[in-house]
Amino acid sequence: MAFIAAVSTTITMNLPNSISLLTLGIFMRLLPIMVPSWVPVDPSIGTSACALWLILTGYVIGGTGAVWLLREGARKTVFALGRANARLHVLAEARAERLARRSAPSGTRARA
């Protein structure tokens, strides 16, 4: 029962979390390049397992943040375009109604 309570109170991803993950991923990816003395190279394989691990996890963590940011940006863009399309549809209907009233003969105009 405690597990279900713990799962139901999990924190969802939000903008600060995704930016933090993206920043951490970029930092982890660049760490072997910026400070190579922290990840010593094994001469037998020509690279460092620590550097490879930092690079891999940097891509995974940074990718998680980047994908959430892209998905959220796409969702907000689609929502904004939908609202703009609805507004344009209302304006087009109002314009068509005005044009219909103007083109009607003067004796058949409906009084408002």
N, C-alpha and C. Protein backbone atom coordinates (compact mmCIF):
# COMPACT_ATOMS: atom_id res chain seq x y z
N MET A 1 0.82 -1.19 0.00
CA MET A 1 0.00 0.00 0.00
C MET A 1 0.87 1.26 0.00
N ALA A 2 2.00 1.20 0.69
CA ALA A 2 2.89 2.36 0.74
C ALA A 2 3.47 2.64 -0.64
N PHE A 3 3.70 1.58 -1.44
CA PHE A 3 4.23 1.77 -2.77
C PHE A 3 3.24 2.54 -3.64
N ILE A 4 1.96 2.20 -3.55
CA ILE A 4 0.94 2.89 -4.33
C ILE A 4 0.84 4.35 -3.92
N ALA A 5 0.95 4.61 -2.63
CA ALA A 5 0.92 6.00 -2.15
C ALA A 5 2.14 6.76 -2.66
N ALA A 6 3.29 6.09 -2.71
CA ALA A 6 4.51 6.76 -3.19
C ALA A 6 4.41 7.03 -4.68
N VAL A 7 3.85 6.11 -5.43
CA VAL A 7 3.72 6.30 -6.87
C VAL A 7 2.72 7.40 -7.18
N SER A 8 1.66 7.50 -6.40
CA SER A 8 0.63 8.50 -6.68
C SER A 8 1.09 9.91 -6.34
N THR A 9 2.17 10.05 -5.58
CA THR A 9 2.65 11.39 -5.22
C THR A 9 3.92 11.76 -5.97
N THR A 10 4.19 11.11 -7.10
CA THR A 10 5.40 11.44 -7.85
C THR A 10 5.28 12.82 -8.47
N ILE A 11 6.43 13.43 -8.69
CA ILE A 11 6.48 14.76 -9.30
C ILE A 11 6.56 14.58 -10.81
N THR A 12 5.76 15.33 -11.52
CA THR A 12 5.78 15.25 -12.98
C THR A 12 6.83 16.20 -13.54
N MET A 13 7.19 15.97 -14.79
CA MET A 13 8.18 16.81 -15.45
C MET A 13 7.58 18.19 -15.70
N ASN A 14 8.38 19.21 -15.48
CA ASN A 14 7.95 20.57 -15.78
C ASN A 14 9.12 21.32 -16.43
N LEU A 15 8.91 22.58 -16.72
CA LEU A 15 9.92 23.36 -17.44
C LEU A 15 11.25 23.45 -16.70
N PRO A 16 11.28 23.81 -15.41
CA PRO A 16 12.59 23.87 -14.73
C PRO A 16 13.30 22.51 -14.68
N ASN A 17 12.53 21.42 -14.49
CA ASN A 17 13.15 20.09 -14.46
C ASN A 17 13.77 19.76 -15.82
N SER A 18 13.07 20.04 -16.89
CA SER A 18 13.58 19.70 -18.21
C SER A 18 14.80 20.54 -18.58
N ILE A 19 14.79 21.81 -18.22
CA ILE A 19 15.96 22.65 -18.48
C ILE A 19 17.15 22.17 -17.66
N SER A 20 16.90 21.76 -16.42
CA SER A 20 17.98 21.23 -15.58
C SER A 20 18.56 19.95 -16.17
N LEU A 21 17.70 19.07 -16.65
CA LEU A 21 18.19 17.83 -17.26
C LEU A 21 19.00 18.11 -18.52
N LEU A 22 18.52 19.02 -19.34
CA LEU A 22 19.24 19.38 -20.55
C LEU A 22 20.61 19.97 -20.21
N THR A 23 20.65 20.86 -19.24
CA THR A 23 21.91 21.48 -18.82
C THR A 23 22.87 20.45 -18.24
N LEU A 24 22.35 19.56 -17.40
CA LEU A 24 23.19 18.52 -16.82
C LEU A 24 23.73 17.59 -17.90
N GLY A 25 22.89 17.24 -18.87
CA GLY A 25 23.34 16.39 -19.96
C GLY A 25 24.43 17.03 -20.78
N ILE A 26 24.28 18.31 -21.07
CA ILE A 26 25.31 19.03 -21.83
C ILE A 26 26.61 19.08 -21.02
N PHE A 27 26.49 19.35 -19.73
CA PHE A 27 27.68 19.41 -18.87
C PHE A 27 28.38 18.05 -18.83
N MET A 28 27.60 16.98 -18.67
CA MET A 28 28.20 15.64 -18.62
C MET A 28 28.87 15.28 -19.94
N ARG A 29 28.26 15.69 -21.04
CA ARG A 29 28.83 15.39 -22.36
C ARG A 29 30.14 16.15 -22.57
N LEU A 30 30.20 17.38 -22.09
CA LEU A 30 31.38 18.21 -22.31
C LEU A 30 32.46 18.04 -21.25
N LEU A 31 32.15 17.38 -20.15
CA LEU A 31 33.12 17.23 -19.07
C LEU A 31 34.41 16.54 -19.51
N PRO A 32 34.38 15.43 -20.26
CA PRO A 32 35.65 14.82 -20.69
C PRO A 32 36.47 15.72 -21.62
N ILE A 33 35.79 16.63 -22.33
CA ILE A 33 36.51 17.54 -23.23
C ILE A 33 37.10 18.71 -22.44
N MET A 34 36.32 19.24 -21.48
CA MET A 34 36.76 20.41 -20.73
C MET A 34 37.83 20.07 -19.70
N VAL A 35 37.69 18.94 -19.03
CA VAL A 35 38.63 18.56 -17.98
C VAL A 35 39.09 17.12 -18.23
N PRO A 36 39.99 16.91 -19.18
CA PRO A 36 40.41 15.54 -19.49
C PRO A 36 41.21 14.88 -18.37
N SER A 37 41.76 15.66 -17.45
CA SER A 37 42.53 15.05 -16.36
C SER A 37 41.62 14.31 -15.37
N TRP A 38 40.34 14.62 -15.35
CA TRP A 38 39.41 13.93 -14.46
C TRP A 38 39.02 12.56 -14.99
N VAL A 39 39.21 12.34 -16.28
CA VAL A 39 38.85 11.05 -16.89
C VAL A 39 40.08 10.49 -17.58
N PRO A 40 40.95 9.83 -16.82
CA PRO A 40 42.21 9.35 -17.41
C PRO A 40 41.96 8.29 -18.48
N VAL A 41 42.79 8.35 -19.50
CA VAL A 41 42.67 7.44 -20.64
C VAL A 41 43.40 6.14 -20.33
N ASP A 42 42.75 5.02 -20.61
CA ASP A 42 43.38 3.71 -20.47
C ASP A 42 44.17 3.44 -21.75
N PRO A 43 45.49 3.31 -21.66
CA PRO A 43 46.29 3.16 -22.88
C PRO A 43 46.00 1.86 -23.64
N SER A 44 45.49 0.85 -22.98
CA SER A 44 45.24 -0.41 -23.69
C SER A 44 44.07 -0.31 -24.66
N ILE A 45 43.07 0.51 -24.33
CA ILE A 45 41.92 0.65 -25.25
C ILE A 45 41.89 2.02 -25.92
N GLY A 46 42.71 2.93 -25.49
CA GLY A 46 42.81 4.23 -26.12
C GLY A 46 41.74 5.22 -25.70
N THR A 47 40.91 4.85 -24.76
CA THR A 47 39.88 5.75 -24.27
C THR A 47 39.60 5.43 -22.80
N SER A 48 38.69 6.14 -22.21
CA SER A 48 38.38 5.95 -20.81
C SER A 48 36.95 5.46 -20.66
N ALA A 49 36.76 4.45 -19.85
CA ALA A 49 35.40 3.96 -19.60
C ALA A 49 34.58 5.04 -18.90
N CYS A 50 35.23 5.80 -18.06
CA CYS A 50 34.54 6.90 -17.36
C CYS A 50 34.08 7.95 -18.36
N ALA A 51 34.93 8.28 -19.32
CA ALA A 51 34.55 9.27 -20.34
C ALA A 51 33.40 8.75 -21.19
N LEU A 52 33.47 7.49 -21.57
CA LEU A 52 32.37 6.91 -22.35
C LEU A 52 31.07 6.92 -21.58
N TRP A 53 31.15 6.61 -20.28
CA TRP A 53 29.95 6.60 -19.45
C TRP A 53 29.38 8.02 -19.33
N LEU A 54 30.24 9.00 -19.13
CA LEU A 54 29.77 10.39 -19.04
C LEU A 54 29.11 10.83 -20.35
N ILE A 55 29.71 10.46 -21.46
CA ILE A 55 29.16 10.84 -22.76
C ILE A 55 27.79 10.18 -22.97
N LEU A 56 27.72 8.89 -22.69
CA LEU A 56 26.46 8.17 -22.89
C LEU A 56 25.35 8.71 -21.98
N THR A 57 25.63 8.84 -20.70
CA THR A 57 24.60 9.34 -19.79
C THR A 57 24.28 10.80 -20.07
N GLY A 58 25.26 11.56 -20.54
CA GLY A 58 24.98 12.95 -20.92
C GLY A 58 23.99 13.02 -22.06
N TYR A 59 24.15 12.13 -23.05
CA TYR A 59 23.18 12.10 -24.15
C TYR A 59 21.80 11.66 -23.67
N VAL A 60 21.74 10.68 -22.80
CA VAL A 60 20.45 10.18 -22.31
C VAL A 60 19.73 11.23 -21.47
N ILE A 61 20.44 11.79 -20.50
CA ILE A 61 19.82 12.79 -19.61
C ILE A 61 19.48 14.06 -20.38
N GLY A 62 20.42 14.56 -21.18
CA GLY A 62 20.15 15.75 -21.99
C GLY A 62 19.04 15.52 -22.99
N GLY A 63 19.02 14.33 -23.58
CA GLY A 63 17.96 14.00 -24.53
C GLY A 63 16.59 13.96 -23.88
N THR A 64 16.53 13.47 -22.65
CA THR A 64 15.25 13.45 -21.93
C THR A 64 14.72 14.87 -21.75
N GLY A 65 15.57 15.77 -21.31
CA GLY A 65 15.15 17.17 -21.14
C GLY A 65 14.80 17.81 -22.47
N ALA A 66 15.59 17.55 -23.50
CA ALA A 66 15.35 18.16 -24.81
C ALA A 66 14.05 17.66 -25.43
N VAL A 67 13.79 16.37 -25.30
CA VAL A 67 12.56 15.81 -25.87
C VAL A 67 11.34 16.40 -25.17
N TRP A 68 11.40 16.56 -23.84
CA TRP A 68 10.26 17.15 -23.15
C TRP A 68 10.06 18.59 -23.59
N LEU A 69 11.15 19.34 -23.71
CA LEU A 69 11.03 20.74 -24.16
C LEU A 69 10.45 20.82 -25.57
N LEU A 70 10.92 19.97 -26.46
CA LEU A 70 10.39 19.97 -27.83
C LEU A 70 8.93 19.57 -27.86
N ARG A 71 8.57 18.53 -27.08
CA ARG A 71 7.18 18.09 -27.05
C ARG A 71 6.27 19.18 -26.49
N GLU A 72 6.70 19.82 -25.42
CA GLU A 72 5.89 20.88 -24.81
C GLU A 72 5.79 22.08 -25.75
N GLY A 73 6.88 22.42 -26.43
CA GLY A 73 6.84 23.51 -27.40
C GLY A 73 5.91 23.20 -28.56
N ALA A 74 5.95 21.97 -29.04
CA ALA A 74 5.06 21.57 -30.13
C ALA A 74 3.60 21.61 -29.68
N ARG A 75 3.34 21.16 -28.44
CA ARG A 75 1.96 21.17 -27.93
C ARG A 75 1.43 22.59 -27.82
N LYS A 76 2.26 23.50 -27.30
CA LYS A 76 1.82 24.89 -27.17
C LYS A 76 1.66 25.55 -28.53
N THR A 77 2.53 25.20 -29.48
CA THR A 77 2.42 25.75 -30.83
C THR A 77 1.13 25.29 -31.50
N VAL A 78 0.83 24.00 -31.39
CA VAL A 78 -0.41 23.48 -31.99
C VAL A 78 -1.62 24.12 -31.33
N PHE A 79 -1.59 24.29 -30.02
CA PHE A 79 -2.70 24.93 -29.32
C PHE A 79 -2.88 26.38 -29.79
N ALA A 80 -1.78 27.11 -29.92
CA ALA A 80 -1.86 28.51 -30.36
C ALA A 80 -2.36 28.59 -31.81
N LEU A 81 -1.89 27.68 -32.67
CA LEU A 81 -2.36 27.68 -34.06
C LEU A 81 -3.84 27.32 -34.14
N GLY A 82 -4.30 26.43 -33.29
CA GLY A 82 -5.72 26.09 -33.25
C GLY A 82 -6.57 27.27 -32.83
N ARG A 83 -6.11 28.02 -31.82
CA ARG A 83 -6.86 29.22 -31.41
C ARG A 83 -6.86 30.26 -32.51
N ALA A 84 -5.71 30.45 -33.18
CA ALA A 84 -5.64 31.42 -34.26
C ALA A 84 -6.54 31.00 -35.41
N ASN A 85 -6.58 29.72 -35.72
CA ASN A 85 -7.45 29.22 -36.79
C ASN A 85 -8.92 29.45 -36.43
N ALA A 86 -9.30 29.20 -35.19
CA ALA A 86 -10.68 29.42 -34.76
C ALA A 86 -11.03 30.91 -34.87
N ARG A 87 -10.11 31.76 -34.48
CA ARG A 87 -10.36 33.21 -34.57
C ARG A 87 -10.51 33.64 -36.03
N LEU A 88 -9.66 33.13 -36.91
CA LEU A 88 -9.77 33.46 -38.33
C LEU A 88 -11.09 32.95 -38.91
N HIS A 89 -11.54 31.78 -38.45
CA HIS A 89 -12.81 31.23 -38.91
C HIS A 89 -13.97 32.14 -38.50
N VAL A 90 -13.95 32.63 -37.28
CA VAL A 90 -14.99 33.55 -36.80
C VAL A 90 -14.96 34.84 -37.60
N LEU A 91 -13.77 35.37 -37.86
CA LEU A 91 -13.66 36.61 -38.63
C LEU A 91 -14.14 36.41 -40.07
N ALA A 92 -13.83 35.26 -40.67
CA ALA A 92 -14.28 34.98 -42.03
C ALA A 92 -15.79 34.85 -42.09
N GLU A 93 -16.39 34.22 -41.09
CA GLU A 93 -17.86 34.11 -41.06
C GLU A 93 -18.50 35.48 -40.92
N ALA A 94 -17.93 36.33 -40.07
CA ALA A 94 -18.48 37.68 -39.89
C ALA A 94 -18.35 38.48 -41.18
N ARG A 95 -17.23 38.33 -41.87
CA ARG A 95 -17.03 39.04 -43.13
C ARG A 95 -18.01 38.55 -44.18
N ALA A 96 -18.22 37.24 -44.26
CA ALA A 96 -19.16 36.69 -45.24
C ALA A 96 -20.58 37.18 -44.94
N GLU A 97 -20.92 37.28 -43.67
CA GLU A 97 -22.25 37.78 -43.30
C GLU A 97 -22.41 39.24 -43.69
N ARG A 98 -21.38 40.05 -43.47
CA ARG A 98 -21.44 41.46 -43.87
C ARG A 98 -21.57 41.60 -45.38
N LEU A 99 -20.80 40.79 -46.12
CA LEU A 99 -20.88 40.85 -47.58
C LEU A 99 -22.25 40.40 -48.07
N ALA A 100 -22.84 39.42 -47.42
CA ALA A 100 -24.17 38.94 -47.81
C ALA A 100 -25.21 40.03 -47.56
N ARG A 101 -25.07 40.75 -46.46
CA ARG A 101 -26.02 41.84 -46.18
C ARG A 101 -25.86 42.98 -47.18
N ARG A 102 -24.62 43.26 -47.59
CA ARG A 102 -24.40 44.35 -48.56
C ARG A 102 -24.93 44.00 -49.94
N SER A 103 -24.78 42.73 -50.33
CA SER A 103 -25.17 42.36 -51.68
C SER A 103 -26.67 42.09 -51.81
N ALA A 104 -27.38 41.98 -50.71
CA ALA A 104 -28.84 41.76 -50.77
C ALA A 104 -29.52 43.03 -51.29
N PRO A 105 -30.59 42.88 -52.07
CA PRO A 105 -31.34 44.07 -52.53
C PRO A 105 -31.86 44.86 -51.34
N SER A 106 -31.98 46.19 -51.51
CA SER A 106 -32.35 47.06 -50.40
C SER A 106 -33.73 46.75 -49.84
N GLY A 107 -34.65 46.23 -50.64
CA GLY A 107 -36.00 45.95 -50.15
C GLY A 107 -36.07 44.67 -49.34
N THR A 108 -35.09 43.80 -49.47
CA THR A 108 -35.15 42.51 -48.77
C THR A 108 -34.21 42.42 -47.58
N ARG A 109 -33.65 43.54 -47.21
CA ARG A 109 -32.72 43.51 -46.06
C ARG A 109 -33.49 43.23 -44.78
N ALA A 110 -32.89 42.39 -43.98
CA ALA A 110 -33.50 42.10 -42.67
C ALA A 110 -33.11 43.19 -41.71
N ARG A 111 -34.06 43.60 -40.90
CA ARG A 111 -33.77 44.64 -39.93
C ARG A 111 -33.29 44.01 -38.62
N ALA A 112 -32.27 44.60 -38.08
CA ALA A 112 -31.71 44.03 -36.84
C ALA A 112 -32.36 44.58 -35.62
